[in-house]
Amino acid sequence: MLGFDEIAQAVERRRNAMKALDDAITELQVAQRLLDDLTIGSCPRTLTSAGRVAAGPAEGSLSSSAGPDGVRA
């Protein structure tokens, strides 16, 4: 039979594992929202250095000099 210390350690390990799982799910949800923000809408979007989504192509990017067919001029 398990003693009190072993049970307490098992409960703590389970609690830590659940927290790690919850953190991973939160990170995946944030990543999914960022992907949705980048791919939804008619104009392309880019991330700024502060992690914010900016409308339109980044200055100097390939898409900023591409024509309507996506080919650079």
N, C-alpha and C. Protein backbone atom coordinates (compact mmCIF):
# COMPACT_ATOMS: atom_id res chain seq x y z
N MET A 1 0.84 -1.18 0.00
CA MET A 1 0.00 0.00 0.00
C MET A 1 0.89 1.25 0.00
N LEU A 2 0.45 2.27 -0.70
CA LEU A 2 1.20 3.52 -0.78
C LEU A 2 1.04 4.33 0.50
N GLY A 3 2.15 4.96 0.88
CA GLY A 3 2.11 5.84 2.04
C GLY A 3 1.65 7.23 1.65
N PHE A 4 1.43 8.05 2.65
CA PHE A 4 0.96 9.42 2.42
C PHE A 4 1.92 10.20 1.54
N ASP A 5 3.23 10.07 1.76
CA ASP A 5 4.22 10.83 0.98
C ASP A 5 4.18 10.44 -0.50
N GLU A 6 4.06 9.14 -0.77
CA GLU A 6 4.01 8.69 -2.17
C GLU A 6 2.75 9.21 -2.86
N ILE A 7 1.63 9.19 -2.15
CA ILE A 7 0.38 9.70 -2.73
C ILE A 7 0.49 11.20 -2.98
N ALA A 8 1.04 11.93 -2.03
CA ALA A 8 1.20 13.39 -2.19
C ALA A 8 2.11 13.69 -3.38
N GLN A 9 3.18 12.92 -3.56
CA GLN A 9 4.09 13.13 -4.69
C GLN A 9 3.38 12.82 -6.01
N ALA A 10 2.59 11.77 -6.03
CA ALA A 10 1.85 11.41 -7.25
C ALA A 10 0.83 12.50 -7.60
N VAL A 11 0.17 13.02 -6.60
CA VAL A 11 -0.80 14.10 -6.82
C VAL A 11 -0.09 15.33 -7.36
N GLU A 12 1.06 15.66 -6.81
CA GLU A 12 1.83 16.82 -7.26
C GLU A 12 2.31 16.62 -8.70
N ARG A 13 2.78 15.42 -9.04
CA ARG A 13 3.21 15.14 -10.42
C ARG A 13 2.04 15.28 -11.38
N ARG A 14 0.87 14.78 -10.98
CA ARG A 14 -0.32 14.89 -11.83
C ARG A 14 -0.69 16.36 -12.00
N ARG A 15 -0.66 17.12 -10.93
CA ARG A 15 -0.98 18.55 -10.99
C ARG A 15 -0.01 19.27 -11.94
N ASN A 16 1.27 18.97 -11.85
CA ASN A 16 2.26 19.59 -12.73
C ASN A 16 2.04 19.19 -14.18
N ALA A 17 1.70 17.93 -14.41
CA ALA A 17 1.45 17.47 -15.77
C ALA A 17 0.21 18.16 -16.35
N MET A 18 -0.83 18.32 -15.55
CA MET A 18 -2.04 18.99 -16.03
C MET A 18 -1.77 20.46 -16.33
N LYS A 19 -0.95 21.11 -15.52
CA LYS A 19 -0.59 22.51 -15.77
C LYS A 19 0.21 22.63 -17.06
N ALA A 20 1.15 21.72 -17.27
CA ALA A 20 1.94 21.73 -18.50
C ALA A 20 1.05 21.51 -19.71
N LEU A 21 0.09 20.61 -19.60
CA LEU A 21 -0.84 20.36 -20.70
C LEU A 21 -1.70 21.60 -20.97
N ASP A 22 -2.19 22.23 -19.92
CA ASP A 22 -2.99 23.44 -20.06
C ASP A 22 -2.17 24.56 -20.72
N ASP A 23 -0.91 24.70 -20.32
CA ASP A 23 -0.04 25.72 -20.93
C ASP A 23 0.18 25.43 -22.41
N ALA A 24 0.38 24.16 -22.76
CA ALA A 24 0.60 23.79 -24.16
C ALA A 24 -0.65 24.07 -24.99
N ILE A 25 -1.82 23.77 -24.45
CA ILE A 25 -3.07 24.05 -25.16
C ILE A 25 -3.23 25.55 -25.38
N THR A 26 -2.92 26.34 -24.37
CA THR A 26 -3.01 27.80 -24.50
C THR A 26 -2.07 28.30 -25.59
N GLU A 27 -0.84 27.78 -25.62
CA GLU A 27 0.11 28.19 -26.67
C GLU A 27 -0.39 27.82 -28.05
N LEU A 28 -0.98 26.65 -28.18
CA LEU A 28 -1.52 26.23 -29.48
C LEU A 28 -2.69 27.13 -29.89
N GLN A 29 -3.53 27.51 -28.95
CA GLN A 29 -4.65 28.40 -29.26
C GLN A 29 -4.15 29.77 -29.71
N VAL A 30 -3.13 30.29 -29.07
CA VAL A 30 -2.55 31.58 -29.47
C VAL A 30 -1.95 31.47 -30.87
N ALA A 31 -1.23 30.39 -31.13
CA ALA A 31 -0.64 30.19 -32.45
C ALA A 31 -1.73 30.08 -33.51
N GLN A 32 -2.82 29.38 -33.20
CA GLN A 32 -3.92 29.25 -34.16
C GLN A 32 -4.55 30.60 -34.45
N ARG A 33 -4.74 31.43 -33.41
CA ARG A 33 -5.29 32.77 -33.62
C ARG A 33 -4.37 33.61 -34.50
N LEU A 34 -3.06 33.52 -34.27
CA LEU A 34 -2.11 34.27 -35.10
C LEU A 34 -2.18 33.80 -36.55
N LEU A 35 -2.25 32.50 -36.76
CA LEU A 35 -2.36 31.98 -38.12
C LEU A 35 -3.66 32.45 -38.77
N ASP A 36 -4.75 32.41 -38.01
CA ASP A 36 -6.02 32.89 -38.55
C ASP A 36 -5.93 34.36 -38.92
N ASP A 37 -5.31 35.17 -38.05
CA ASP A 37 -5.17 36.60 -38.33
C ASP A 37 -4.32 36.84 -39.57
N LEU A 38 -3.34 35.99 -39.80
CA LEU A 38 -2.46 36.19 -40.95
C LEU A 38 -3.08 35.72 -42.26
N THR A 39 -4.02 34.80 -42.19
CA THR A 39 -4.55 34.21 -43.42
C THR A 39 -5.96 34.64 -43.77
N ILE A 40 -6.67 35.31 -42.85
CA ILE A 40 -8.04 35.74 -43.12
C ILE A 40 -8.02 37.14 -43.73
N GLY A 41 -8.89 37.36 -44.69
CA GLY A 41 -9.00 38.69 -45.28
C GLY A 41 -8.43 38.72 -46.69
N SER A 42 -8.70 39.79 -47.37
CA SER A 42 -8.29 39.89 -48.77
C SER A 42 -6.88 40.42 -48.93
N CYS A 43 -6.34 41.09 -47.92
CA CYS A 43 -4.98 41.61 -48.05
C CYS A 43 -4.04 40.81 -47.16
N PRO A 44 -2.82 40.59 -47.64
CA PRO A 44 -1.87 39.85 -46.81
C PRO A 44 -1.50 40.65 -45.57
N ARG A 45 -1.11 39.96 -44.53
CA ARG A 45 -0.73 40.63 -43.29
C ARG A 45 0.62 40.10 -42.83
N THR A 46 1.32 40.91 -42.07
CA THR A 46 2.60 40.51 -41.53
C THR A 46 2.65 40.83 -40.04
N LEU A 47 3.54 40.19 -39.34
CA LEU A 47 3.73 40.50 -37.92
C LEU A 47 4.77 41.61 -37.79
N THR A 48 4.48 42.58 -36.96
CA THR A 48 5.45 43.64 -36.68
C THR A 48 6.46 43.10 -35.66
N SER A 49 7.50 43.85 -35.42
CA SER A 49 8.50 43.42 -34.46
C SER A 49 7.92 43.30 -33.05
N ALA A 50 6.82 44.00 -32.79
CA ALA A 50 6.18 43.93 -31.47
C ALA A 50 5.20 42.76 -31.40
N GLY A 51 5.08 41.97 -32.48
CA GLY A 51 4.18 40.84 -32.49
C GLY A 51 2.75 41.18 -32.87
N ARG A 52 2.53 42.41 -33.32
CA ARG A 52 1.19 42.81 -33.74
C ARG A 52 1.01 42.51 -35.22
N VAL A 53 -0.22 42.31 -35.61
CA VAL A 53 -0.52 42.04 -37.02
C VAL A 53 -0.71 43.37 -37.73
N ALA A 54 0.04 43.56 -38.81
CA ALA A 54 -0.06 44.78 -39.61
C ALA A 54 -0.68 44.43 -40.96
N ALA A 55 -1.58 45.26 -41.44
CA ALA A 55 -2.21 45.02 -42.73
C ALA A 55 -1.22 45.33 -43.85
N GLY A 56 -1.34 44.60 -44.94
CA GLY A 56 -0.52 44.86 -46.11
C GLY A 56 0.83 44.19 -46.02
N PRO A 57 1.52 44.10 -47.15
CA PRO A 57 2.83 43.46 -47.18
C PRO A 57 3.87 44.32 -46.46
N ALA A 58 4.86 43.66 -45.92
CA ALA A 58 5.95 44.39 -45.27
C ALA A 58 6.77 45.11 -46.32
N GLU A 59 7.23 46.28 -45.99
CA GLU A 59 8.03 47.05 -46.93
C GLU A 59 9.29 46.27 -47.27
N GLY A 60 9.57 46.16 -48.55
CA GLY A 60 10.75 45.45 -48.99
C GLY A 60 10.54 43.95 -49.13
N SER A 61 9.35 43.47 -48.83
CA SER A 61 9.10 42.03 -48.97
C SER A 61 8.83 41.72 -50.43
N LEU A 62 8.91 40.45 -50.77
CA LEU A 62 8.66 40.04 -52.14
C LEU A 62 7.26 40.41 -52.58
N SER A 63 6.29 40.29 -51.67
CA SER A 63 4.91 40.56 -52.06
C SER A 63 4.67 42.05 -52.31
N SER A 64 5.53 42.93 -51.75
CA SER A 64 5.30 44.36 -51.94
C SER A 64 5.65 44.79 -53.36
N SER A 65 6.48 44.02 -54.05
CA SER A 65 6.84 44.39 -55.41
C SER A 65 6.22 43.44 -56.44
N ALA A 66 5.36 42.55 -55.98
CA ALA A 66 4.72 41.61 -56.89
C ALA A 66 3.51 42.25 -57.55
N GLY A 67 3.28 41.84 -58.78
CA GLY A 67 2.11 42.32 -59.51
C GLY A 67 0.87 41.56 -59.09
N PRO A 68 -0.26 41.82 -59.78
CA PRO A 68 -1.52 41.17 -59.41
C PRO A 68 -1.47 39.65 -59.55
N ASP A 69 -0.59 39.16 -60.41
CA ASP A 69 -0.49 37.71 -60.57
C ASP A 69 0.54 37.10 -59.62
N GLY A 70 1.12 37.89 -58.72
CA GLY A 70 2.07 37.39 -57.74
C GLY A 70 3.50 37.33 -58.24
N VAL A 71 3.74 37.79 -59.48
CA VAL A 71 5.08 37.75 -60.05
C VAL A 71 5.74 39.10 -59.87
N ARG A 72 7.00 39.07 -59.44
CA ARG A 72 7.73 40.32 -59.26
C ARG A 72 8.00 40.98 -60.60
N ALA A 73 7.90 42.28 -60.63
CA ALA A 73 8.14 43.03 -61.88
C ALA A 73 9.63 43.25 -62.09
